[in-house]
Structures are given as C-alpha cells and as structure tokens.
Amino acid sequence: MAKVMVVYYSGFGHTKLQAEAVYRGAAGMEGIQAELLTTEEAIKRLDDLDAADAIIFGSPTYMGNISAEMKKFIEVAAKKWYTLAWKNKVAGAFTNSSSFSGDKLNTLVGLFINAMQHGMIYVGTGMLPSQNKPQDMSSPQGPAPDAHNRVGSYAGPMSASFQVNPPETPPKGDIETAELYGRRVAEVTLQFVRGRK
C-alpha cells in the first residue's frame, strides 16, 4: 500500500474543491491510501508526512504567488530539509486563481522548487490542453469550462474561478483535471513504490 498525502490551503473554498478532487483521484486508485490535510493540520502532524510516499501541495494564487498560509507550512517544514526526510518522495502541486492567468505559474514554480529543495520527484499533468475536447483549441473562445486542462498547464492543474463563489467554480473541467492529476500522481507513486521493493 502506498500513501499519498494532499496538503492544501484554501481561503475562499475554490482550492478546497480542487484539493478534494485531487484526493478523490488518488484515493480511487487500488493500492493507494490517501489523506487530505489543510496546511494547519499538516503543521500539527508534520512528522506524519515522513511516512508518505507522495505529497501533493495545493495553494491558491494570491497576487501572483503562494498564499501566506502555504508559505508558513513550507517554512515550518524546512526542518525536514535538514535531514532530507522527504528525499525521493513523489511530489505534485496545483493552484487556483480568479483569472485564466493570474500568474499562477509562479505559484506552481514556487511549490516545485520547494519539492526540489526536499529532493522530491515532481510529477506534471501529462495532459494536453483541452485534452477531452481538442476541437475547442480551434475556436476563438478556446476551451470550454468542461474541458480538461483548459488553461493548458503542464506543471500542475491550474483552475480559474473568476469572481464566482464555490461550488459554482472551479468549473467541471478544472475539477475533473484535478481528479485526473491525483490519479496520475498516485499511478507514478505506485510505480516508484513497487520498483523500490
């Protein structure tokens, strides 16, 4: 059994819905035990993360960057860096903002660099833009709200919620993208765990 932990912060509920989808995707895989923790819970249970085979980090993008609460978790978790306690664990990340861009890539890069600092092995989306609706890429409007990876991110799921409250946003396609990503990270984690044995 491999263990995948999803650690997230959500200020308005959008990233929470995304995190729950990532969790569902991972938990739905046979051979995976998944757990969902807020950054506050993860700080209190920091040593429990040592037993994870994979950690997926989720943060909203605020002013083009990682949220202060996720940054606090990262800084508390720096004590794990000293012993390389998370070295060779699988890692991933996801984010949400109120626009198509919002400079979300910067948030994912920050979460990626955090994973690299810990010596983790990072997994991207492995998904083309508008994966389930490729015809949308030939329209002026671009991918519809039910399109997978509608923002076209390879580094990790990006959702766009605009100024609409959850659960109406993130839209169906963004939630499904997050769920598929949780499954992908779980699949890669199983490959690593089985390979180690």
N, C-alpha and C. Protein backbone atom coordinates (compact mmCIF):
# COMPACT_ATOMS: atom_id res chain seq x y z
N MET A 1 0.84 -1.19 0.00
CA MET A 1 0.00 0.00 0.00
C MET A 1 0.88 1.25 0.00
N ALA A 2 0.63 2.17 -0.92
CA ALA A 2 1.37 3.43 -0.98
C ALA A 2 0.50 4.54 -0.40
N LYS A 3 1.17 5.51 0.20
CA LYS A 3 0.44 6.59 0.87
C LYS A 3 0.67 7.92 0.14
N VAL A 4 -0.44 8.57 -0.24
CA VAL A 4 -0.41 9.88 -0.88
C VAL A 4 -1.10 10.88 0.05
N MET A 5 -0.39 11.95 0.37
CA MET A 5 -0.97 12.99 1.22
C MET A 5 -1.12 14.27 0.41
N VAL A 6 -2.29 14.88 0.52
CA VAL A 6 -2.57 16.14 -0.15
C VAL A 6 -2.62 17.22 0.92
N VAL A 7 -1.73 18.21 0.80
CA VAL A 7 -1.65 19.30 1.77
C VAL A 7 -2.03 20.58 1.04
N TYR A 8 -3.03 21.28 1.55
CA TYR A 8 -3.52 22.46 0.83
C TYR A 8 -3.96 23.57 1.78
N TYR A 9 -4.03 24.76 1.23
CA TYR A 9 -4.68 25.88 1.90
C TYR A 9 -5.73 26.43 0.95
N SER A 10 -6.86 26.84 1.49
CA SER A 10 -7.92 27.45 0.68
C SER A 10 -8.52 28.61 1.46
N GLY A 11 -8.47 29.79 0.87
CA GLY A 11 -9.01 30.96 1.54
C GLY A 11 -10.50 31.16 1.32
N PHE A 12 -10.99 30.83 0.13
CA PHE A 12 -12.39 31.09 -0.20
C PHE A 12 -13.16 29.82 -0.58
N GLY A 13 -12.48 28.68 -0.58
CA GLY A 13 -13.15 27.41 -0.87
C GLY A 13 -12.89 26.84 -2.25
N HIS A 14 -12.35 27.65 -3.16
CA HIS A 14 -12.08 27.14 -4.52
C HIS A 14 -10.98 26.08 -4.49
N THR A 15 -9.87 26.38 -3.82
CA THR A 15 -8.75 25.44 -3.78
C THR A 15 -9.11 24.21 -2.97
N LYS A 16 -10.02 24.35 -2.02
CA LYS A 16 -10.50 23.19 -1.25
C LYS A 16 -11.20 22.20 -2.19
N LEU A 17 -12.05 22.71 -3.08
CA LEU A 17 -12.74 21.82 -4.03
C LEU A 17 -11.73 21.14 -4.95
N GLN A 18 -10.73 21.88 -5.36
CA GLN A 18 -9.66 21.32 -6.19
C GLN A 18 -8.90 20.24 -5.41
N ALA A 19 -8.57 20.53 -4.15
CA ALA A 19 -7.85 19.57 -3.30
C ALA A 19 -8.66 18.29 -3.09
N GLU A 20 -9.95 18.45 -2.87
CA GLU A 20 -10.81 17.27 -2.69
C GLU A 20 -10.84 16.41 -3.95
N ALA A 21 -10.79 17.06 -5.11
CA ALA A 21 -10.76 16.31 -6.38
C ALA A 21 -9.43 15.58 -6.55
N VAL A 22 -8.32 16.24 -6.22
CA VAL A 22 -7.01 15.58 -6.28
C VAL A 22 -7.02 14.37 -5.35
N TYR A 23 -7.54 14.55 -4.15
CA TYR A 23 -7.64 13.47 -3.17
C TYR A 23 -8.47 12.30 -3.73
N ARG A 24 -9.64 12.62 -4.31
CA ARG A 24 -10.50 11.56 -4.87
C ARG A 24 -9.78 10.77 -5.94
N GLY A 25 -9.06 11.49 -6.79
CA GLY A 25 -8.32 10.82 -7.86
C GLY A 25 -7.29 9.86 -7.32
N ALA A 26 -6.56 10.28 -6.30
CA ALA A 26 -5.54 9.41 -5.70
C ALA A 26 -6.19 8.27 -4.93
N ALA A 27 -7.18 8.60 -4.11
CA ALA A 27 -7.83 7.59 -3.26
C ALA A 27 -8.56 6.53 -4.06
N GLY A 28 -8.96 6.86 -5.29
CA GLY A 28 -9.68 5.91 -6.13
C GLY A 28 -8.80 4.85 -6.75
N MET A 29 -7.50 4.98 -6.60
CA MET A 29 -6.57 4.00 -7.16
C MET A 29 -6.38 2.83 -6.20
N GLU A 30 -6.47 1.63 -6.72
CA GLU A 30 -6.21 0.44 -5.91
C GLU A 30 -4.74 0.46 -5.47
N GLY A 31 -4.54 0.17 -4.20
CA GLY A 31 -3.18 0.15 -3.66
C GLY A 31 -2.72 1.48 -3.09
N ILE A 32 -3.64 2.46 -3.07
CA ILE A 32 -3.31 3.79 -2.55
C ILE A 32 -4.14 4.09 -1.30
N GLN A 33 -3.46 4.58 -0.29
CA GLN A 33 -4.13 5.15 0.89
C GLN A 33 -3.89 6.65 0.80
N ALA A 34 -4.95 7.43 0.69
CA ALA A 34 -4.80 8.87 0.53
C ALA A 34 -5.34 9.60 1.75
N GLU A 35 -4.77 10.77 1.98
CA GLU A 35 -5.20 11.59 3.11
C GLU A 35 -5.16 13.06 2.68
N LEU A 36 -6.13 13.81 3.16
CA LEU A 36 -6.28 15.22 2.82
C LEU A 36 -6.07 16.05 4.08
N LEU A 37 -5.11 16.99 4.04
CA LEU A 37 -4.81 17.82 5.20
C LEU A 37 -4.74 19.28 4.80
N THR A 38 -5.31 20.16 5.64
CA THR A 38 -5.08 21.58 5.45
C THR A 38 -3.65 21.87 5.90
N THR A 39 -3.12 23.02 5.54
CA THR A 39 -1.77 23.37 5.98
C THR A 39 -1.70 23.42 7.50
N GLU A 40 -2.75 23.90 8.14
CA GLU A 40 -2.78 23.95 9.60
C GLU A 40 -2.69 22.56 10.21
N GLU A 41 -3.45 21.62 9.66
CA GLU A 41 -3.39 20.23 10.14
C GLU A 41 -2.02 19.63 9.85
N ALA A 42 -1.47 19.93 8.67
CA ALA A 42 -0.17 19.36 8.29
C ALA A 42 0.95 19.87 9.20
N ILE A 43 0.88 21.11 9.63
CA ILE A 43 1.88 21.64 10.55
C ILE A 43 1.84 20.88 11.87
N LYS A 44 0.64 20.59 12.35
CA LYS A 44 0.48 19.86 13.61
C LYS A 44 0.93 18.40 13.48
N ARG A 45 0.85 17.87 12.27
CA ARG A 45 1.18 16.46 12.04
C ARG A 45 2.39 16.31 11.10
N LEU A 46 3.31 17.22 11.20
CA LEU A 46 4.44 17.27 10.27
C LEU A 46 5.19 15.94 10.18
N ASP A 47 5.40 15.28 11.31
CA ASP A 47 6.13 14.02 11.30
C ASP A 47 5.38 12.92 10.55
N ASP A 48 4.05 13.01 10.50
CA ASP A 48 3.26 12.00 9.77
C ASP A 48 3.56 12.04 8.27
N LEU A 49 3.97 13.21 7.77
CA LEU A 49 4.28 13.33 6.35
C LEU A 49 5.52 12.51 5.98
N ASP A 50 6.36 12.20 6.96
CA ASP A 50 7.54 11.38 6.69
C ASP A 50 7.16 9.99 6.17
N ALA A 51 5.98 9.51 6.57
CA ALA A 51 5.54 8.17 6.17
C ALA A 51 4.87 8.17 4.80
N ALA A 52 4.65 9.34 4.21
CA ALA A 52 4.01 9.42 2.90
C ALA A 52 4.98 9.00 1.80
N ASP A 53 4.45 8.37 0.77
CA ASP A 53 5.24 8.08 -0.42
C ASP A 53 5.15 9.23 -1.42
N ALA A 54 4.09 10.03 -1.30
CA ALA A 54 3.90 11.20 -2.16
C ALA A 54 3.21 12.30 -1.38
N ILE A 55 3.59 13.54 -1.67
CA ILE A 55 2.92 14.70 -1.09
C ILE A 55 2.57 15.64 -2.25
N ILE A 56 1.30 16.01 -2.31
CA ILE A 56 0.82 16.94 -3.33
C ILE A 56 0.43 18.23 -2.62
N PHE A 57 1.02 19.35 -3.06
CA PHE A 57 0.81 20.64 -2.42
C PHE A 57 -0.19 21.47 -3.23
N GLY A 58 -1.14 22.10 -2.55
CA GLY A 58 -2.12 22.94 -3.22
C GLY A 58 -2.26 24.29 -2.56
N SER A 59 -2.19 25.34 -3.36
CA SER A 59 -2.30 26.70 -2.83
C SER A 59 -3.04 27.59 -3.81
N PRO A 60 -3.89 28.48 -3.31
CA PRO A 60 -4.41 29.49 -4.21
C PRO A 60 -3.29 30.43 -4.64
N THR A 61 -3.47 31.09 -5.74
CA THR A 61 -2.52 32.11 -6.18
C THR A 61 -3.05 33.46 -5.73
N TYR A 62 -2.32 34.09 -4.84
CA TYR A 62 -2.67 35.42 -4.35
C TYR A 62 -1.60 36.40 -4.83
N MET A 63 -2.01 37.41 -5.57
CA MET A 63 -1.08 38.42 -6.08
C MET A 63 0.10 37.76 -6.80
N GLY A 64 -0.20 36.71 -7.57
CA GLY A 64 0.81 36.04 -8.37
C GLY A 64 1.77 35.18 -7.59
N ASN A 65 1.36 34.72 -6.41
CA ASN A 65 2.29 33.96 -5.59
C ASN A 65 1.57 32.97 -4.67
N ILE A 66 2.36 32.15 -3.98
CA ILE A 66 1.86 31.19 -2.99
C ILE A 66 1.19 31.96 -1.86
N SER A 67 0.11 31.41 -1.31
CA SER A 67 -0.56 32.05 -0.18
C SER A 67 0.35 32.07 1.05
N ALA A 68 0.13 33.02 1.93
CA ALA A 68 0.94 33.14 3.15
C ALA A 68 0.82 31.89 4.01
N GLU A 69 -0.35 31.29 4.04
CA GLU A 69 -0.55 30.09 4.86
C GLU A 69 0.22 28.90 4.33
N MET A 70 0.30 28.74 3.01
CA MET A 70 1.11 27.66 2.44
C MET A 70 2.59 27.95 2.66
N LYS A 71 2.96 29.22 2.53
CA LYS A 71 4.36 29.61 2.77
C LYS A 71 4.74 29.30 4.22
N LYS A 72 3.83 29.52 5.15
CA LYS A 72 4.09 29.20 6.56
C LYS A 72 4.37 27.71 6.71
N PHE A 73 3.53 26.88 6.08
CA PHE A 73 3.75 25.43 6.12
C PHE A 73 5.12 25.09 5.55
N ILE A 74 5.46 25.66 4.40
CA ILE A 74 6.75 25.39 3.76
C ILE A 74 7.90 25.75 4.70
N GLU A 75 7.76 26.88 5.38
CA GLU A 75 8.84 27.31 6.27
C GLU A 75 8.94 26.44 7.52
N VAL A 76 7.80 26.01 8.05
CA VAL A 76 7.83 25.07 9.19
C VAL A 76 8.44 23.74 8.75
N ALA A 77 8.08 23.30 7.54
CA ALA A 77 8.57 22.01 7.02
C ALA A 77 10.05 22.06 6.64
N ALA A 78 10.65 23.23 6.69
CA ALA A 78 12.08 23.34 6.37
C ALA A 78 12.92 22.48 7.30
N LYS A 79 12.41 22.20 8.50
CA LYS A 79 13.17 21.32 9.42
C LYS A 79 13.32 19.91 8.84
N LYS A 80 12.43 19.52 7.93
CA LYS A 80 12.55 18.23 7.27
C LYS A 80 13.67 18.25 6.22
N TRP A 81 13.98 19.44 5.73
CA TRP A 81 15.04 19.61 4.75
C TRP A 81 16.40 19.24 5.35
N TYR A 82 16.60 19.58 6.61
CA TYR A 82 17.90 19.33 7.25
C TYR A 82 18.26 17.85 7.26
N THR A 83 17.27 17.00 7.34
CA THR A 83 17.53 15.55 7.38
C THR A 83 17.17 14.86 6.06
N LEU A 84 16.72 15.65 5.10
CA LEU A 84 16.23 15.12 3.82
C LEU A 84 15.19 14.01 4.03
N ALA A 85 14.30 14.27 4.98
CA ALA A 85 13.26 13.29 5.34
C ALA A 85 12.30 13.01 4.19
N TRP A 86 12.17 13.94 3.26
CA TRP A 86 11.24 13.76 2.15
C TRP A 86 11.95 13.44 0.84
N LYS A 87 13.24 13.17 0.90
CA LYS A 87 14.00 12.85 -0.31
C LYS A 87 13.43 11.61 -0.99
N ASN A 88 13.30 11.68 -2.30
CA ASN A 88 12.79 10.60 -3.15
C ASN A 88 11.31 10.30 -2.99
N LYS A 89 10.59 11.15 -2.27
CA LYS A 89 9.13 11.05 -2.27
C LYS A 89 8.63 11.70 -3.57
N VAL A 90 7.52 11.23 -4.06
CA VAL A 90 6.90 11.83 -5.24
C VAL A 90 6.21 13.12 -4.80
N ALA A 91 6.22 14.13 -5.65
CA ALA A 91 5.58 15.41 -5.34
C ALA A 91 4.75 15.90 -6.51
N GLY A 92 3.80 16.75 -6.19
CA GLY A 92 2.99 17.41 -7.21
C GLY A 92 2.42 18.69 -6.62
N ALA A 93 1.77 19.49 -7.46
CA ALA A 93 1.19 20.74 -6.98
C ALA A 93 0.06 21.20 -7.88
N PHE A 94 -0.83 22.01 -7.30
CA PHE A 94 -1.96 22.57 -8.04
C PHE A 94 -2.31 23.94 -7.46
N THR A 95 -3.01 24.74 -8.26
CA THR A 95 -3.37 26.08 -7.81
C THR A 95 -4.64 26.59 -8.49
N ASN A 96 -5.21 27.61 -7.91
CA ASN A 96 -6.41 28.28 -8.41
C ASN A 96 -6.21 29.79 -8.30
N SER A 97 -6.76 30.52 -9.25
CA SER A 97 -6.82 31.98 -9.11
C SER A 97 -8.10 32.47 -9.77
N SER A 98 -8.30 33.78 -9.71
CA SER A 98 -9.56 34.34 -10.20
C SER A 98 -9.52 34.76 -11.67
N SER A 99 -8.50 34.31 -12.41
CA SER A 99 -8.46 34.59 -13.84
C SER A 99 -7.75 33.46 -14.56
N PHE A 100 -7.73 33.51 -15.89
CA PHE A 100 -7.06 32.44 -16.63
C PHE A 100 -5.58 32.38 -16.29
N SER A 101 -4.95 33.54 -16.15
CA SER A 101 -3.54 33.53 -15.79
C SER A 101 -3.36 33.83 -14.31
N GLY A 102 -3.47 35.09 -13.93
CA GLY A 102 -3.26 35.45 -12.53
C GLY A 102 -1.83 35.15 -12.09
N ASP A 103 -0.97 34.86 -13.06
CA ASP A 103 0.42 34.47 -12.79
C ASP A 103 0.50 33.21 -11.93
N LYS A 104 -0.43 32.28 -12.19
CA LYS A 104 -0.47 31.01 -11.46
C LYS A 104 0.80 30.19 -11.63
N LEU A 105 1.46 30.32 -12.77
CA LEU A 105 2.67 29.54 -12.99
C LEU A 105 3.70 29.85 -11.90
N ASN A 106 3.75 31.08 -11.46
CA ASN A 106 4.70 31.45 -10.41
C ASN A 106 4.44 30.66 -9.13
N THR A 107 3.17 30.44 -8.82
CA THR A 107 2.82 29.65 -7.63
C THR A 107 3.30 28.21 -7.80
N LEU A 108 3.03 27.63 -8.96
CA LEU A 108 3.47 26.25 -9.19
C LEU A 108 5.00 26.14 -9.19
N VAL A 109 5.67 27.13 -9.74
CA VAL A 109 7.13 27.12 -9.72
C VAL A 109 7.63 27.17 -8.27
N GLY A 110 7.02 27.99 -7.44
CA GLY A 110 7.40 28.04 -6.03
C GLY A 110 7.20 26.71 -5.32
N LEU A 111 6.08 26.04 -5.61
CA LEU A 111 5.81 24.74 -4.99
C LEU A 111 6.74 23.67 -5.55
N PHE A 112 7.06 23.77 -6.83
CA PHE A 112 8.02 22.85 -7.46
C PHE A 112 9.40 23.01 -6.84
N ILE A 113 9.84 24.26 -6.68
CA ILE A 113 11.16 24.50 -6.09
C ILE A 113 11.21 23.99 -4.66
N ASN A 114 10.14 24.17 -3.92
CA ASN A 114 10.08 23.61 -2.57
C ASN A 114 10.30 22.10 -2.61
N ALA A 115 9.62 21.42 -3.53
CA ALA A 115 9.78 19.98 -3.67
C ALA A 115 11.22 19.62 -4.04
N MET A 116 11.82 20.39 -4.94
CA MET A 116 13.20 20.13 -5.34
C MET A 116 14.17 20.34 -4.18
N GLN A 117 13.90 21.35 -3.34
CA GLN A 117 14.75 21.59 -2.17
C GLN A 117 14.75 20.37 -1.25
N HIS A 118 13.62 19.69 -1.19
CA HIS A 118 13.50 18.49 -0.35
C HIS A 118 14.03 17.23 -1.04
N GLY A 119 14.43 17.34 -2.30
CA GLY A 119 14.93 16.17 -3.03
C GLY A 119 13.82 15.28 -3.53
N MET A 120 12.62 15.84 -3.71
CA MET A 120 11.47 15.06 -4.15
C MET A 120 11.47 14.89 -5.67
N ILE A 121 10.62 14.02 -6.17
CA ILE A 121 10.50 13.72 -7.59
C ILE A 121 9.15 14.26 -8.06
N TYR A 122 9.17 15.31 -8.87
CA TYR A 122 7.96 16.06 -9.22
C TYR A 122 7.25 15.48 -10.45
N VAL A 123 5.91 15.46 -10.38
CA VAL A 123 5.08 14.93 -11.47
C VAL A 123 4.21 16.05 -12.04
N GLY A 124 4.27 16.23 -13.35
CA GLY A 124 3.42 17.21 -14.03
C GLY A 124 2.09 16.60 -14.43
N THR A 125 1.31 17.33 -15.20
CA THR A 125 -0.03 16.86 -15.56
C THR A 125 -0.01 15.73 -16.59
N GLY A 126 0.95 15.73 -17.49
CA GLY A 126 0.96 14.72 -18.55
C GLY A 126 -0.28 14.82 -19.42
N MET A 127 -0.79 16.04 -19.57
CA MET A 127 -2.07 16.24 -20.23
C MET A 127 -1.99 17.38 -21.25
N LEU A 128 -2.51 17.16 -22.43
CA LEU A 128 -2.56 18.23 -23.43
C LEU A 128 -3.63 19.26 -23.06
N PRO A 129 -3.51 20.48 -23.58
CA PRO A 129 -4.58 21.46 -23.36
C PRO A 129 -5.89 20.96 -23.96
N SER A 130 -6.97 21.18 -23.24
CA SER A 130 -8.31 20.77 -23.69
C SER A 130 -8.31 19.30 -24.12
N GLN A 131 -7.70 18.48 -23.29
CA GLN A 131 -7.46 17.06 -23.58
C GLN A 131 -8.71 16.32 -24.04
N ASN A 132 -9.83 16.54 -23.37
CA ASN A 132 -11.05 15.80 -23.71
C ASN A 132 -11.88 16.50 -24.80
N LYS A 133 -11.50 17.73 -25.16
CA LYS A 133 -12.24 18.49 -26.18
C LYS A 133 -11.25 19.21 -27.09
N PRO A 134 -10.42 18.46 -27.83
CA PRO A 134 -9.38 19.10 -28.66
C PRO A 134 -9.93 20.08 -29.69
N GLN A 135 -11.17 19.87 -30.12
CA GLN A 135 -11.77 20.77 -31.11
C GLN A 135 -11.90 22.20 -30.56
N ASP A 136 -11.97 22.35 -29.24
CA ASP A 136 -12.09 23.68 -28.63
C ASP A 136 -10.85 24.53 -28.90
N MET A 137 -9.72 23.88 -29.16
CA MET A 137 -8.49 24.63 -29.41
C MET A 137 -8.52 25.35 -30.76
N SER A 138 -9.52 25.04 -31.60
CA SER A 138 -9.64 25.69 -32.91
C SER A 138 -10.73 26.75 -32.92
N SER A 139 -11.21 27.14 -31.73
CA SER A 139 -12.25 28.17 -31.67
C SER A 139 -11.71 29.44 -31.02
N PRO A 140 -12.23 30.60 -31.40
CA PRO A 140 -11.76 31.85 -30.80
C PRO A 140 -11.99 31.92 -29.29
N GLN A 141 -13.02 31.22 -28.82
CA GLN A 141 -13.31 31.23 -27.38
C GLN A 141 -12.36 30.35 -26.59
N GLY A 142 -11.72 29.41 -27.26
CA GLY A 142 -10.83 28.49 -26.57
C GLY A 142 -11.60 27.42 -25.82
N PRO A 143 -10.91 26.70 -24.93
CA PRO A 143 -11.54 25.60 -24.21
C PRO A 143 -12.71 26.02 -23.34
N ALA A 144 -13.76 25.23 -23.39
CA ALA A 144 -14.97 25.47 -22.59
C ALA A 144 -14.73 25.09 -21.13
N PRO A 145 -15.60 25.52 -20.23
CA PRO A 145 -15.43 25.21 -18.81
C PRO A 145 -15.42 23.72 -18.46
N ASP A 146 -15.91 22.87 -19.37
CA ASP A 146 -15.89 21.44 -19.08
C ASP A 146 -14.67 20.74 -19.71
N ALA A 147 -13.75 21.52 -20.27
CA ALA A 147 -12.55 20.96 -20.88
C ALA A 147 -11.51 20.64 -19.81
N HIS A 148 -10.85 19.51 -19.98
CA HIS A 148 -9.75 19.14 -19.09
C HIS A 148 -8.51 19.94 -19.46
N ASN A 149 -7.82 20.43 -18.46
CA ASN A 149 -6.62 21.25 -18.65
C ASN A 149 -6.90 22.42 -19.58
N ARG A 150 -8.00 23.11 -19.33
CA ARG A 150 -8.41 24.21 -20.22
C ARG A 150 -7.44 25.37 -20.19
N VAL A 151 -6.66 25.50 -19.10
CA VAL A 151 -5.69 26.60 -19.02
C VAL A 151 -4.38 26.20 -19.70
N GLY A 152 -4.21 24.93 -19.97
CA GLY A 152 -3.03 24.46 -20.71
C GLY A 152 -1.78 24.40 -19.87
N SER A 153 -1.88 23.85 -18.68
CA SER A 153 -0.72 23.76 -17.78
C SER A 153 -0.13 22.36 -17.80
N TYR A 154 1.18 22.31 -17.88
CA TYR A 154 1.89 21.04 -17.81
C TYR A 154 2.51 20.83 -16.43
N ALA A 155 2.73 21.91 -15.70
CA ALA A 155 3.41 21.85 -14.40
C ALA A 155 2.51 21.33 -13.29
N GLY A 156 1.20 21.46 -13.44
CA GLY A 156 0.24 21.03 -12.43
C GLY A 156 -1.10 21.65 -12.76
N PRO A 157 -2.18 21.12 -12.22
CA PRO A 157 -3.50 21.67 -12.52
C PRO A 157 -3.64 23.14 -12.11
N MET A 158 -4.17 23.92 -13.02
CA MET A 158 -4.49 25.32 -12.76
C MET A 158 -5.99 25.49 -12.98
N SER A 159 -6.68 26.05 -12.00
CA SER A 159 -8.10 26.33 -12.21
C SER A 159 -8.32 27.84 -12.17
N ALA A 160 -9.36 28.27 -12.88
CA ALA A 160 -9.73 29.68 -12.94
C ALA A 160 -11.16 29.83 -12.44
N SER A 161 -11.32 30.59 -11.39
CA SER A 161 -12.64 30.73 -10.76
C SER A 161 -13.28 32.10 -10.95
N PHE A 162 -12.52 33.04 -11.48
CA PHE A 162 -13.01 34.41 -11.69
C PHE A 162 -13.58 34.95 -10.38
N GLN A 163 -14.66 35.69 -10.40
CA GLN A 163 -15.22 36.25 -9.16
C GLN A 163 -16.49 35.50 -8.77
N VAL A 164 -16.49 34.20 -9.00
CA VAL A 164 -17.68 33.37 -8.75
C VAL A 164 -17.40 32.45 -7.57
N ASN A 165 -18.32 32.44 -6.62
CA ASN A 165 -18.13 31.64 -5.40
C ASN A 165 -18.29 30.15 -5.67
N PRO A 166 -17.60 29.32 -4.85
CA PRO A 166 -17.83 27.88 -4.94
C PRO A 166 -19.22 27.56 -4.40
N PRO A 167 -19.85 26.50 -4.82
CA PRO A 167 -19.30 25.43 -5.65
C PRO A 167 -19.48 25.64 -7.15
N GLU A 168 -19.98 26.81 -7.56
CA GLU A 168 -20.18 27.05 -9.00
C GLU A 168 -18.84 27.06 -9.73
N THR A 169 -17.81 27.51 -9.07
CA THR A 169 -16.45 27.42 -9.60
C THR A 169 -15.57 26.83 -8.52
N PRO A 170 -14.47 26.19 -8.88
CA PRO A 170 -13.98 25.96 -10.23
C PRO A 170 -14.96 25.12 -11.06
N PRO A 171 -14.96 25.33 -12.37
CA PRO A 171 -15.89 24.60 -13.23
C PRO A 171 -15.55 23.12 -13.34
N LYS A 172 -16.49 22.41 -13.91
CA LYS A 172 -16.40 20.95 -14.05
C LYS A 172 -15.07 20.47 -14.64
N GLY A 173 -14.63 21.10 -15.71
CA GLY A 173 -13.40 20.66 -16.36
C GLY A 173 -12.18 20.81 -15.46
N ASP A 174 -12.13 21.89 -14.70
CA ASP A 174 -11.00 22.11 -13.79
C ASP A 174 -11.01 21.11 -12.64
N ILE A 175 -12.19 20.80 -12.14
CA ILE A 175 -12.29 19.80 -11.06
C ILE A 175 -11.90 18.42 -11.59
N GLU A 176 -12.37 18.08 -12.78
CA GLU A 176 -12.01 16.78 -13.37
C GLU A 176 -10.51 16.72 -13.66
N THR A 177 -9.92 17.83 -14.07
CA THR A 177 -8.47 17.88 -14.29
C THR A 177 -7.73 17.57 -13.00
N ALA A 178 -8.19 18.16 -11.90
CA ALA A 178 -7.57 17.93 -10.60
C ALA A 178 -7.69 16.46 -10.19
N GLU A 179 -8.85 15.87 -10.46
CA GLU A 179 -9.05 14.45 -10.11
C GLU A 179 -8.14 13.55 -10.96
N LEU A 180 -8.03 13.85 -12.24
CA LEU A 180 -7.14 13.08 -13.10
C LEU A 180 -5.68 13.23 -12.66
N TYR A 181 -5.33 14.40 -12.19
CA TYR A 181 -3.97 14.64 -11.70
C TYR A 181 -3.69 13.83 -10.44
N GLY A 182 -4.64 13.79 -9.52
CA GLY A 182 -4.47 12.97 -8.32
C GLY A 182 -4.24 11.51 -8.69
N ARG A 183 -4.97 11.06 -9.69
CA ARG A 183 -4.80 9.67 -10.17
C ARG A 183 -3.41 9.48 -10.78
N ARG A 184 -2.97 10.45 -11.58
CA ARG A 184 -1.65 10.35 -12.22
C ARG A 184 -0.54 10.30 -11.17
N VAL A 185 -0.60 11.17 -10.18
CA VAL A 185 0.43 11.16 -9.14
C VAL A 185 0.40 9.82 -8.40
N ALA A 186 -0.79 9.30 -8.14
CA ALA A 186 -0.91 8.00 -7.46
C ALA A 186 -0.32 6.89 -8.31
N GLU A 187 -0.58 6.90 -9.62
CA GLU A 187 -0.02 5.88 -10.52
C GLU A 187 1.50 5.92 -10.52
N VAL A 188 2.06 7.12 -10.62
CA VAL A 188 3.52 7.26 -10.60
C VAL A 188 4.08 6.81 -9.25
N THR A 189 3.38 7.15 -8.19
CA THR A 189 3.81 6.74 -6.85
C THR A 189 3.85 5.23 -6.72
N LEU A 190 2.83 4.57 -7.23
CA LEU A 190 2.80 3.10 -7.19
C LEU A 190 3.97 2.51 -7.97
N GLN A 191 4.30 3.11 -9.09
CA GLN A 191 5.44 2.62 -9.87
C GLN A 191 6.73 2.73 -9.06
N PHE A 192 6.91 3.83 -8.38
CA PHE A 192 8.11 4.02 -7.57
C PHE A 192 8.15 3.07 -6.39
N VAL A 193 7.03 2.94 -5.69
CA VAL A 193 6.97 2.07 -4.51
C VAL A 193 7.22 0.62 -4.90
N ARG A 194 6.58 0.17 -5.96
CA ARG A 194 6.77 -1.23 -6.40
C ARG A 194 8.18 -1.44 -6.91
N GLY A 195 8.74 -0.42 -7.54
CA GLY A 195 10.11 -0.52 -8.03
C GLY A 195 11.12 -0.61 -6.89
N ARG A 196 10.86 0.12 -5.80
CA ARG A 196 11.76 0.09 -4.65
C ARG A 196 11.81 -1.28 -4.00
N LYS A 197 10.67 -2.00 -4.07
CA LYS A 197 10.60 -3.32 -3.43
C LYS A 197 11.19 -4.35 -4.35
